[in-house]
Amino acid sequence: MPLLRSSVFLLLILAITGCSTKAFFKLPEHSTITINERAEQHPQGLVKIRPFFWNRAGGVPYKLTSATGQTISEGKLRTRFRVVSIFWPPYSIIYWPMGFGQRCYDMTGAMPGSCTHQDLWTLREEYRNNK
């Protein structure tokens, strides 16, 4: 019985995480980020989107824009292979094998970097409070 519960729990976790990728973004004030050339613009905080195709193995394009619409920076964010895509048949390994490469991106510098532990904690708390 405990093995059955564990198996069902694992399948439920895989089902929930199998169809999205997410990361926190620390952005400059009054700016938004567009990821993978999609129309949505995301403010600072958690970005949860559909995973990426194989062509994004070298990175996913992003564009950081100010409130006036001017481009602040653009480039590629690091991605990684999502192991969960192996267990999410039949299409995830084919269509959505790539996800964000980091849990949190600091976009306030000249180049995208990793957030500090404190930044990640702050962004998580802001996200929970704004839900």
Protein backbone atom coordinates (compact mmCIF):
# COMPACT_ATOMS: atom_id res chain seq x y z
CA MET A 1 0.00 0.00 0.00
CA PRO A 2 2.74 2.58 0.79
CA LEU A 3 4.41 1.75 -2.53
CA LEU A 4 1.16 2.41 -4.37
CA ARG A 5 0.74 5.75 -2.61
CA SER A 6 4.31 6.72 -3.42
CA SER A 7 3.83 5.79 -7.07
CA VAL A 8 0.61 7.77 -7.37
CA PHE A 9 2.24 10.75 -5.66
CA LEU A 10 5.24 10.60 -8.03
CA LEU A 11 2.97 10.41 -11.09
CA LEU A 12 0.97 13.38 -9.83
CA ILE A 13 4.15 15.44 -9.34
CA LEU A 14 5.35 14.51 -12.84
CA ALA A 15 1.99 15.47 -14.33
CA ILE A 16 2.04 18.86 -12.65
CA THR A 17 5.63 19.71 -13.54
CA GLY A 18 5.70 18.04 -16.94
CA CYS A 19 3.92 20.74 -18.88
CA SER A 20 5.61 23.93 -17.65
CA THR A 21 8.94 25.47 -16.78
CA LYS A 22 9.34 28.30 -14.32
CA ALA A 23 11.92 30.70 -12.94
CA PHE A 24 12.00 33.87 -10.91
CA PHE A 25 13.25 37.08 -12.53
CA LYS A 26 14.75 40.07 -10.75
CA LEU A 27 14.29 42.99 -13.16
CA PRO A 28 15.25 46.66 -13.15
CA GLU A 29 12.47 48.98 -11.93
CA HIS A 30 9.59 49.61 -14.35
CA SER A 31 10.68 46.99 -16.87
CA THR A 32 9.27 43.79 -18.32
CA ILE A 33 10.80 40.75 -19.96
CA THR A 34 9.67 38.88 -23.06
CA ILE A 35 10.86 35.28 -23.33
CA ASN A 36 11.21 33.11 -26.43
CA GLU A 37 9.83 35.82 -28.73
CA ARG A 38 6.31 35.31 -27.37
CA ALA A 39 3.85 38.17 -27.06
CA GLU A 40 3.53 38.01 -23.27
CA GLN A 41 5.53 40.49 -21.26
CA HIS A 42 6.30 39.45 -17.71
CA PRO A 43 6.94 41.76 -14.74
CA GLN A 44 9.38 40.96 -11.96
CA GLY A 45 8.62 37.74 -10.12
CA LEU A 46 7.71 34.20 -11.16
CA VAL A 47 7.50 33.41 -14.86
CA LYS A 48 5.79 30.11 -15.61
CA ILE A 49 5.52 29.18 -19.29
CA ARG A 50 5.39 26.22 -21.63
CA PRO A 51 8.75 24.42 -21.96
CA PHE A 52 10.99 24.91 -24.97
CA PHE A 53 11.73 22.82 -28.07
CA TRP A 54 15.13 21.27 -28.85
CA ASN A 55 16.19 24.34 -30.83
CA ARG A 56 16.49 26.20 -27.49
CA ALA A 57 19.23 23.90 -26.17
CA GLY A 58 21.72 26.73 -26.77
CA GLY A 59 19.59 29.20 -24.82
CA VAL A 60 16.21 30.88 -25.02
CA PRO A 61 16.00 34.44 -26.40
CA TYR A 62 14.84 37.22 -24.14
CA LYS A 63 14.19 40.94 -24.50
CA LEU A 64 14.16 43.31 -21.54
CA THR A 65 12.14 46.49 -22.16
CA SER A 66 11.51 49.65 -20.17
CA ALA A 67 8.09 51.08 -19.35
CA THR A 68 8.38 53.34 -22.40
CA GLY A 69 8.95 50.35 -24.69
CA GLN A 70 12.67 50.89 -25.26
CA THR A 71 14.87 47.80 -25.35
CA ILE A 72 17.20 47.71 -22.35
CA SER A 73 18.94 44.46 -23.29
CA GLU A 74 18.42 41.26 -25.21
CA GLY A 75 20.22 37.97 -25.57
CA LYS A 76 19.84 34.36 -24.51
CA LEU A 77 19.10 32.78 -21.15
CA ARG A 78 20.72 29.49 -20.24
CA THR A 79 18.48 26.42 -20.56
CA ARG A 80 18.78 22.82 -19.41
CA PHE A 81 17.33 19.44 -20.32
CA ARG A 82 14.25 18.62 -18.23
CA VAL A 83 14.57 15.06 -16.96
CA VAL A 84 10.82 15.01 -16.31
CA SER A 85 10.26 15.11 -20.09
CA ILE A 86 11.50 11.50 -20.30
CA PHE A 87 8.65 10.36 -18.06
CA TRP A 88 5.93 12.51 -19.64
CA PRO A 89 4.99 10.51 -22.75
CA PRO A 90 4.41 10.60 -25.52
CA TYR A 91 5.25 14.13 -26.63
CA SER A 92 7.24 15.90 -23.96
CA ILE A 93 10.61 14.38 -24.90
CA ILE A 94 9.94 15.36 -28.51
CA TYR A 95 8.41 18.82 -28.15
CA TRP A 96 9.25 20.18 -24.67
CA PRO A 97 12.58 18.81 -23.45
CA MET A 98 14.17 22.15 -22.46
CA GLY A 99 13.46 24.36 -19.45
CA PHE A 100 14.99 27.34 -17.71
CA GLY A 101 18.58 26.67 -16.65
CA GLN A 102 18.33 28.48 -13.32
CA ARG A 103 15.74 28.96 -10.63
CA CYS A 104 16.29 32.71 -10.60
CA TYR A 105 17.78 35.16 -13.09
CA ASP A 106 19.14 38.56 -12.02
CA MET A 107 18.59 40.87 -14.98
CA THR A 108 19.70 44.07 -13.24
CA GLY A 109 23.31 43.88 -14.44
CA ALA A 110 24.85 44.10 -17.87
CA MET A 111 24.51 40.33 -18.37
CA PRO A 112 21.94 37.87 -16.96
CA GLY A 113 23.25 36.31 -13.77
CA SER A 114 22.10 34.15 -10.91
CA CYS A 115 20.17 35.71 -8.08
CA THR A 116 21.58 35.65 -4.60
CA HIS A 117 19.86 33.43 -2.07
CA GLN A 118 18.38 36.57 -0.47
CA ASP A 119 17.02 37.83 -3.82
CA LEU A 120 15.36 34.48 -4.49
CA TRP A 121 13.84 34.45 -1.01
CA THR A 122 12.52 38.02 -1.47
CA LEU A 123 11.01 37.27 -4.90
CA ARG A 124 9.31 34.14 -3.56
CA GLU A 125 7.81 36.07 -0.65
CA GLU A 126 6.58 38.86 -2.94
CA TYR A 127 5.01 36.27 -5.24
CA ARG A 128 3.23 34.52 -2.34
CA ASN A 129 1.95 37.83 -0.96
CA ASN A 130 0.63 38.98 -4.36
CA LYS A 131 -1.20 35.75 -5.22
